[in-house]
N, C-alpha and C. Protein backbone atom coordinates (compact mmCIF):
# COMPACT_ATOMS: atom_id res chain seq x y z
N ALA A 1 125.23 91.33 106.42
CA ALA A 1 124.97 92.75 106.21
C ALA A 1 123.64 93.15 106.87
N SER A 2 122.65 92.26 106.77
CA SER A 2 121.35 92.55 107.36
C SER A 2 121.45 92.73 108.87
N ASN A 3 122.20 91.84 109.52
CA ASN A 3 122.38 91.97 110.97
C ASN A 3 123.09 93.26 111.32
N GLY A 4 124.09 93.62 110.54
CA GLY A 4 124.82 94.86 110.79
C GLY A 4 123.94 96.09 110.63
N ILE A 5 123.11 96.08 109.61
CA ILE A 5 122.18 97.20 109.38
C ILE A 5 121.19 97.30 110.54
N ASN A 6 120.67 96.15 110.97
CA ASN A 6 119.73 96.15 112.10
C ASN A 6 120.37 96.72 113.36
N LYS A 7 121.62 96.33 113.62
CA LYS A 7 122.33 96.85 114.79
C LYS A 7 122.57 98.35 114.67
N MET A 8 122.90 98.81 113.46
CA MET A 8 123.15 100.22 113.24
C MET A 8 121.88 101.03 113.54
N TYR A 9 120.76 100.58 112.99
CA TYR A 9 119.49 101.27 113.27
C TYR A 9 119.14 101.17 114.75
N GLY A 10 119.43 100.03 115.35
CA GLY A 10 119.17 99.86 116.78
C GLY A 10 119.91 100.89 117.63
N ARG A 11 121.17 101.14 117.28
CA ARG A 11 121.95 102.15 118.01
C ARG A 11 121.32 103.54 117.85
N ALA A 12 120.93 103.86 116.64
CA ALA A 12 120.36 105.19 116.38
C ALA A 12 119.01 105.37 117.06
N LEU A 13 118.22 104.30 117.12
CA LEU A 13 116.86 104.40 117.65
C LEU A 13 116.76 104.18 119.15
N LYS A 14 117.83 103.66 119.75
CA LYS A 14 117.81 103.32 121.16
C LYS A 14 117.45 104.51 122.04
N ILE A 15 118.01 105.67 121.76
CA ILE A 15 117.76 106.84 122.61
C ILE A 15 116.29 107.30 122.54
N PHE A 16 115.59 106.88 121.50
CA PHE A 16 114.17 107.22 121.35
C PHE A 16 113.27 106.09 121.87
N GLN A 17 113.90 105.00 122.33
CA GLN A 17 113.19 103.80 122.78
C GLN A 17 112.27 103.26 121.68
N LEU A 18 112.81 103.23 120.47
CA LEU A 18 112.09 102.69 119.31
C LEU A 18 112.83 101.46 118.79
N THR A 19 112.07 100.54 118.23
CA THR A 19 112.65 99.40 117.53
C THR A 19 112.63 99.70 116.04
N PHE A 20 113.37 98.91 115.27
CA PHE A 20 113.38 99.12 113.82
C PHE A 20 111.99 98.96 113.21
N PRO A 21 111.21 97.92 113.58
CA PRO A 21 109.86 97.82 113.02
C PRO A 21 108.98 99.04 113.38
N GLN A 22 109.14 99.57 114.58
CA GLN A 22 108.38 100.77 114.95
C GLN A 22 108.81 101.96 114.09
N TYR A 23 110.09 102.05 113.82
CA TYR A 23 110.60 103.11 112.95
C TYR A 23 109.99 102.99 111.55
N LEU A 24 109.86 101.77 111.05
CA LEU A 24 109.26 101.57 109.73
C LEU A 24 107.82 102.08 109.71
N VAL A 25 107.09 101.86 110.79
CA VAL A 25 105.72 102.37 110.90
C VAL A 25 105.74 103.90 110.85
N LEU A 26 106.66 104.50 111.60
CA LEU A 26 106.77 105.97 111.58
C LEU A 26 107.09 106.47 110.18
N LEU A 27 107.99 105.79 109.48
CA LEU A 27 108.31 106.20 108.11
C LEU A 27 107.07 106.21 107.22
N ALA A 28 106.27 105.17 107.33
CA ALA A 28 105.05 105.09 106.52
C ALA A 28 104.11 106.25 106.85
N LEU A 29 103.99 106.56 108.14
CA LEU A 29 103.08 107.63 108.55
C LEU A 29 103.64 109.02 108.26
N TRP A 30 104.96 109.17 108.31
CA TRP A 30 105.54 110.46 107.96
C TRP A 30 105.29 110.76 106.48
N ASP A 31 105.22 109.72 105.66
CA ASP A 31 104.91 109.91 104.24
C ASP A 31 103.44 110.23 104.02
N ASN A 32 102.58 109.61 104.83
CA ASN A 32 101.13 109.78 104.64
C ASN A 32 100.43 109.45 105.95
N ASP A 33 100.11 110.45 106.72
CA ASP A 33 99.50 110.26 108.04
C ASP A 33 98.04 109.83 107.90
N GLY A 34 97.58 109.04 108.86
CA GLY A 34 96.18 108.61 108.87
C GLY A 34 95.90 107.43 107.98
N LEU A 35 96.75 106.41 108.05
CA LEU A 35 96.61 105.23 107.19
C LEU A 35 95.87 104.11 107.90
N PRO A 36 95.13 103.31 107.13
CA PRO A 36 94.56 102.07 107.70
C PRO A 36 95.68 101.10 108.06
N ILE A 37 95.43 100.27 109.04
CA ILE A 37 96.44 99.31 109.49
C ILE A 37 96.88 98.41 108.34
N THR A 38 95.95 97.99 107.50
CA THR A 38 96.31 97.10 106.39
C THR A 38 97.27 97.77 105.41
N THR A 39 97.11 99.05 105.19
CA THR A 39 98.01 99.79 104.29
C THR A 39 99.40 99.88 104.89
N ILE A 40 99.47 100.16 106.19
CA ILE A 40 100.77 100.21 106.86
C ILE A 40 101.45 98.85 106.74
N GLY A 41 100.69 97.79 107.00
CA GLY A 41 101.23 96.44 106.91
C GLY A 41 101.82 96.14 105.55
N SER A 42 101.12 96.51 104.49
CA SER A 42 101.65 96.24 103.15
C SER A 42 102.87 97.10 102.85
N GLN A 43 102.91 98.32 103.36
CA GLN A 43 104.06 99.19 103.11
C GLN A 43 105.31 98.74 103.85
N VAL A 44 105.15 98.22 105.05
CA VAL A 44 106.32 97.81 105.84
C VAL A 44 106.60 96.31 105.75
N GLY A 45 105.76 95.58 105.02
CA GLY A 45 105.99 94.16 104.83
C GLY A 45 105.70 93.30 106.05
N MET A 46 104.67 93.69 106.81
CA MET A 46 104.30 92.92 108.00
C MET A 46 102.82 92.54 107.92
N GLY A 47 102.51 91.37 108.44
CA GLY A 47 101.13 90.96 108.55
C GLY A 47 100.47 91.62 109.75
N ILE A 48 99.15 91.55 109.78
CA ILE A 48 98.38 92.17 110.87
C ILE A 48 98.76 91.58 112.22
N GLY A 49 98.99 90.28 112.27
CA GLY A 49 99.36 89.62 113.53
C GLY A 49 100.68 90.12 114.09
N THR A 50 101.59 90.47 113.22
CA THR A 50 102.88 91.03 113.65
C THR A 50 102.73 92.51 113.98
N LEU A 51 101.96 93.20 113.17
CA LEU A 51 101.84 94.65 113.28
C LEU A 51 101.03 95.10 114.50
N ASN A 52 99.98 94.39 114.85
CA ASN A 52 99.12 94.83 115.96
C ASN A 52 99.85 95.01 117.29
N PRO A 53 100.71 94.07 117.72
CA PRO A 53 101.44 94.31 118.98
C PRO A 53 102.41 95.50 118.88
N ILE A 54 102.97 95.72 117.71
CA ILE A 54 103.87 96.86 117.51
C ILE A 54 103.08 98.16 117.67
N LEU A 55 101.91 98.20 117.04
CA LEU A 55 101.06 99.40 117.12
C LEU A 55 100.58 99.63 118.56
N LYS A 56 100.29 98.55 119.26
CA LYS A 56 99.85 98.68 120.66
C LYS A 56 100.93 99.33 121.51
N ARG A 57 102.17 98.84 121.36
CA ARG A 57 103.28 99.42 122.12
C ARG A 57 103.52 100.88 121.72
N MET A 58 103.39 101.16 120.43
CA MET A 58 103.60 102.53 119.98
C MET A 58 102.53 103.46 120.53
N THR A 59 101.31 102.97 120.67
CA THR A 59 100.23 103.76 121.26
C THR A 59 100.52 104.00 122.74
N GLU A 60 100.95 102.95 123.43
CA GLU A 60 101.26 103.06 124.86
C GLU A 60 102.39 104.05 125.13
N HIS A 61 103.33 104.16 124.18
CA HIS A 61 104.47 105.07 124.35
C HIS A 61 104.26 106.40 123.63
N ASP A 62 103.03 106.66 123.24
CA ASP A 62 102.63 107.95 122.67
C ASP A 62 103.33 108.30 121.35
N TRP A 63 103.56 107.30 120.49
CA TRP A 63 104.10 107.56 119.17
C TRP A 63 103.00 107.70 118.13
N ILE A 64 101.89 107.00 118.36
CA ILE A 64 100.78 107.02 117.41
C ILE A 64 99.46 107.11 118.15
N GLU A 65 98.42 107.40 117.37
CA GLU A 65 97.05 107.41 117.88
C GLU A 65 96.19 106.59 116.92
N LYS A 66 95.30 105.79 117.49
CA LYS A 66 94.37 104.99 116.69
C LYS A 66 93.00 105.67 116.72
N LYS A 67 92.38 105.77 115.56
CA LYS A 67 91.03 106.34 115.47
C LYS A 67 90.21 105.52 114.49
N GLN A 68 88.94 105.40 114.79
CA GLN A 68 88.05 104.68 113.88
C GLN A 68 87.82 105.50 112.62
N HIS A 69 87.76 104.81 111.50
CA HIS A 69 87.46 105.45 110.22
C HIS A 69 86.08 106.10 110.31
N PRO A 70 85.92 107.31 109.80
CA PRO A 70 84.63 108.01 109.96
C PRO A 70 83.46 107.32 109.26
N THR A 71 83.71 106.60 108.17
CA THR A 71 82.60 105.97 107.45
C THR A 71 82.60 104.45 107.51
N ASP A 72 83.74 103.85 107.87
CA ASP A 72 83.84 102.39 107.97
C ASP A 72 84.28 102.02 109.37
N LYS A 73 83.35 101.66 110.22
CA LYS A 73 83.63 101.39 111.64
C LYS A 73 84.53 100.18 111.85
N ARG A 74 84.69 99.36 110.82
CA ARG A 74 85.57 98.19 110.94
C ARG A 74 87.04 98.55 110.74
N THR A 75 87.30 99.72 110.22
CA THR A 75 88.66 100.13 109.87
C THR A 75 89.23 101.10 110.89
N MET A 76 90.44 100.78 111.38
CA MET A 76 91.15 101.69 112.27
C MET A 76 92.18 102.47 111.46
N LEU A 77 92.23 103.76 111.70
CA LEU A 77 93.24 104.60 111.07
C LEU A 77 94.31 104.93 112.09
N ILE A 78 95.54 104.98 111.63
CA ILE A 78 96.67 105.25 112.51
C ILE A 78 97.24 106.62 112.15
N PHE A 79 97.40 107.45 113.18
CA PHE A 79 97.90 108.81 113.02
C PHE A 79 99.15 108.99 113.88
N LEU A 80 100.02 109.87 113.42
CA LEU A 80 101.18 110.26 114.22
C LEU A 80 100.74 111.07 115.42
N SER A 81 101.41 110.87 116.55
CA SER A 81 101.17 111.71 117.72
C SER A 81 101.99 112.99 117.57
N ALA A 82 101.73 113.94 118.44
CA ALA A 82 102.52 115.17 118.45
C ALA A 82 104.00 114.84 118.71
N LYS A 83 104.24 113.86 119.59
CA LYS A 83 105.61 113.44 119.91
C LYS A 83 106.32 112.93 118.66
N ALA A 84 105.64 112.11 117.86
CA ALA A 84 106.24 111.55 116.64
C ALA A 84 106.55 112.64 115.63
N LYS A 85 105.66 113.61 115.53
CA LYS A 85 105.90 114.73 114.60
C LYS A 85 107.06 115.59 115.07
N ALA A 86 107.13 115.82 116.37
CA ALA A 86 108.15 116.71 116.93
C ALA A 86 109.55 116.10 116.90
N THR A 87 109.66 114.78 116.95
CA THR A 87 110.98 114.14 117.01
C THR A 87 111.47 113.61 115.67
N LYS A 88 110.69 113.81 114.61
CA LYS A 88 111.08 113.29 113.30
C LYS A 88 112.49 113.73 112.91
N GLN A 89 112.79 114.98 113.01
CA GLN A 89 114.10 115.49 112.60
C GLN A 89 115.21 114.90 113.47
N GLN A 90 114.99 114.79 114.76
CA GLN A 90 116.00 114.22 115.66
C GLN A 90 116.27 112.75 115.31
N ILE A 91 115.22 112.00 115.03
CA ILE A 91 115.37 110.60 114.66
C ILE A 91 116.15 110.48 113.36
N ASN A 92 115.78 111.29 112.37
CA ASN A 92 116.48 111.26 111.08
C ASN A 92 117.95 111.64 111.23
N GLN A 93 118.25 112.61 112.09
CA GLN A 93 119.63 113.01 112.32
C GLN A 93 120.43 111.88 112.99
N ALA A 94 119.82 111.18 113.93
CA ALA A 94 120.50 110.07 114.59
C ALA A 94 120.81 108.96 113.60
N ILE A 95 119.89 108.69 112.70
CA ILE A 95 120.10 107.65 111.68
C ILE A 95 121.16 108.10 110.68
N LEU A 96 121.10 109.36 110.27
CA LEU A 96 122.10 109.88 109.34
C LEU A 96 123.50 109.80 109.94
N LYS A 97 123.61 110.08 111.22
CA LYS A 97 124.91 110.00 111.90
C LYS A 97 125.45 108.57 111.83
N GLU A 98 124.60 107.59 112.07
CA GLU A 98 125.02 106.19 111.99
C GLU A 98 125.39 105.81 110.56
N LEU A 99 124.58 106.25 109.59
CA LEU A 99 124.87 105.94 108.19
C LEU A 99 126.21 106.55 107.76
N THR A 100 126.46 107.77 108.19
CA THR A 100 127.71 108.45 107.84
C THR A 100 128.90 107.69 108.40
N SER A 101 128.75 107.13 109.60
CA SER A 101 129.86 106.40 110.22
C SER A 101 130.19 105.10 109.47
N CYS A 102 129.28 104.64 108.61
CA CYS A 102 129.51 103.40 107.85
C CYS A 102 130.45 103.61 106.67
N ASP A 103 130.67 104.85 106.28
CA ASP A 103 131.59 105.19 105.19
C ASP A 103 131.29 104.39 103.92
N PHE A 104 130.17 104.71 103.29
CA PHE A 104 129.76 104.03 102.06
C PHE A 104 130.50 104.56 100.82
N GLU A 105 131.42 105.50 101.01
CA GLU A 105 132.13 106.09 99.89
C GLU A 105 132.84 105.01 99.09
N GLY A 106 132.74 105.11 97.79
CA GLY A 106 133.39 104.14 96.91
C GLY A 106 132.51 102.94 96.57
N MET A 107 131.38 102.81 97.26
CA MET A 107 130.46 101.70 96.96
C MET A 107 129.47 102.17 95.91
N ASP A 108 129.12 101.29 95.01
CA ASP A 108 128.12 101.60 93.98
C ASP A 108 126.75 101.23 94.55
N LEU A 109 126.18 102.13 95.35
CA LEU A 109 124.92 101.84 96.04
C LEU A 109 123.75 101.60 95.10
N PRO A 110 123.59 102.36 94.00
CA PRO A 110 122.49 102.04 93.08
C PRO A 110 122.60 100.63 92.51
N GLU A 111 123.82 100.21 92.18
CA GLU A 111 124.02 98.85 91.66
C GLU A 111 123.70 97.82 92.75
N LEU A 112 124.14 98.07 93.97
CA LEU A 112 123.85 97.17 95.08
C LEU A 112 122.34 97.05 95.28
N MET A 113 121.63 98.18 95.26
CA MET A 113 120.18 98.15 95.44
C MET A 113 119.51 97.37 94.31
N ALA A 114 119.99 97.53 93.09
CA ALA A 114 119.42 96.79 91.95
C ALA A 114 119.63 95.29 92.13
N GLN A 115 120.82 94.90 92.59
CA GLN A 115 121.11 93.49 92.81
C GLN A 115 120.24 92.91 93.94
N LEU A 116 120.09 93.68 95.01
CA LEU A 116 119.25 93.22 96.12
C LEU A 116 117.79 93.10 95.71
N THR A 117 117.31 94.04 94.90
CA THR A 117 115.94 93.97 94.40
C THR A 117 115.76 92.73 93.53
N ASN A 118 116.74 92.46 92.67
CA ASN A 118 116.70 91.28 91.82
C ASN A 118 116.66 90.01 92.68
N LEU A 119 117.50 89.96 93.71
CA LEU A 119 117.51 88.81 94.61
C LEU A 119 116.16 88.65 95.30
N GLN A 120 115.60 89.75 95.79
CA GLN A 120 114.29 89.69 96.46
C GLN A 120 113.21 89.18 95.51
N ASN A 121 113.22 89.65 94.28
CA ASN A 121 112.24 89.19 93.29
C ASN A 121 112.37 87.70 93.02
N ARG A 122 113.60 87.21 92.93
CA ARG A 122 113.82 85.77 92.71
C ARG A 122 113.32 84.95 93.91
N LEU A 123 113.63 85.43 95.11
CA LEU A 123 113.17 84.73 96.31
C LEU A 123 111.64 84.74 96.40
N ASP A 124 111.02 85.87 96.06
CA ASP A 124 109.55 85.94 96.08
C ASP A 124 108.95 84.93 95.09
N THR A 125 109.55 84.83 93.92
CA THR A 125 109.07 83.88 92.90
C THR A 125 109.17 82.45 93.41
N ILE A 126 110.30 82.11 94.00
CA ILE A 126 110.50 80.76 94.53
C ILE A 126 109.52 80.48 95.66
N ASN A 127 109.34 81.44 96.55
CA ASN A 127 108.43 81.25 97.68
C ASN A 127 106.98 81.14 97.25
N GLN A 128 106.61 81.80 96.17
CA GLN A 128 105.22 81.70 95.69
C GLN A 128 104.94 80.33 95.10
N LYS A 129 105.96 79.69 94.56
CA LYS A 129 105.80 78.35 93.99
C LYS A 129 105.63 77.30 95.06
N ASN A 130 106.19 77.53 96.22
CA ASN A 130 106.15 76.52 97.30
C ASN A 130 105.02 76.72 98.22
């Protein structure tokens, strides 16, 4: 299912030349623009080593802007570019189109989400022990 979901998002994001991890960064910033890199990392579940190359590519393709924190020079804040703000609705529509094509009708999605959350919690517990 995970591979299928990744492919579905890939199809929707391809026309915007975005990857799924880049989309996750945009989601975090659409919720709250001007976040420190560490906050974005915790929200999207990526470490700094994984996130930095993604942010670099997003800056190069004009999706985000990096600015130094006004009072803490060690902290970089990430802001949406005008392009990211302007294409938000188009990106969401492309994803909605893909989701609609999956025909989730008849599935108990809240129950599925609860089961997946339970599984993730169990895996996190096991991984913390090791």
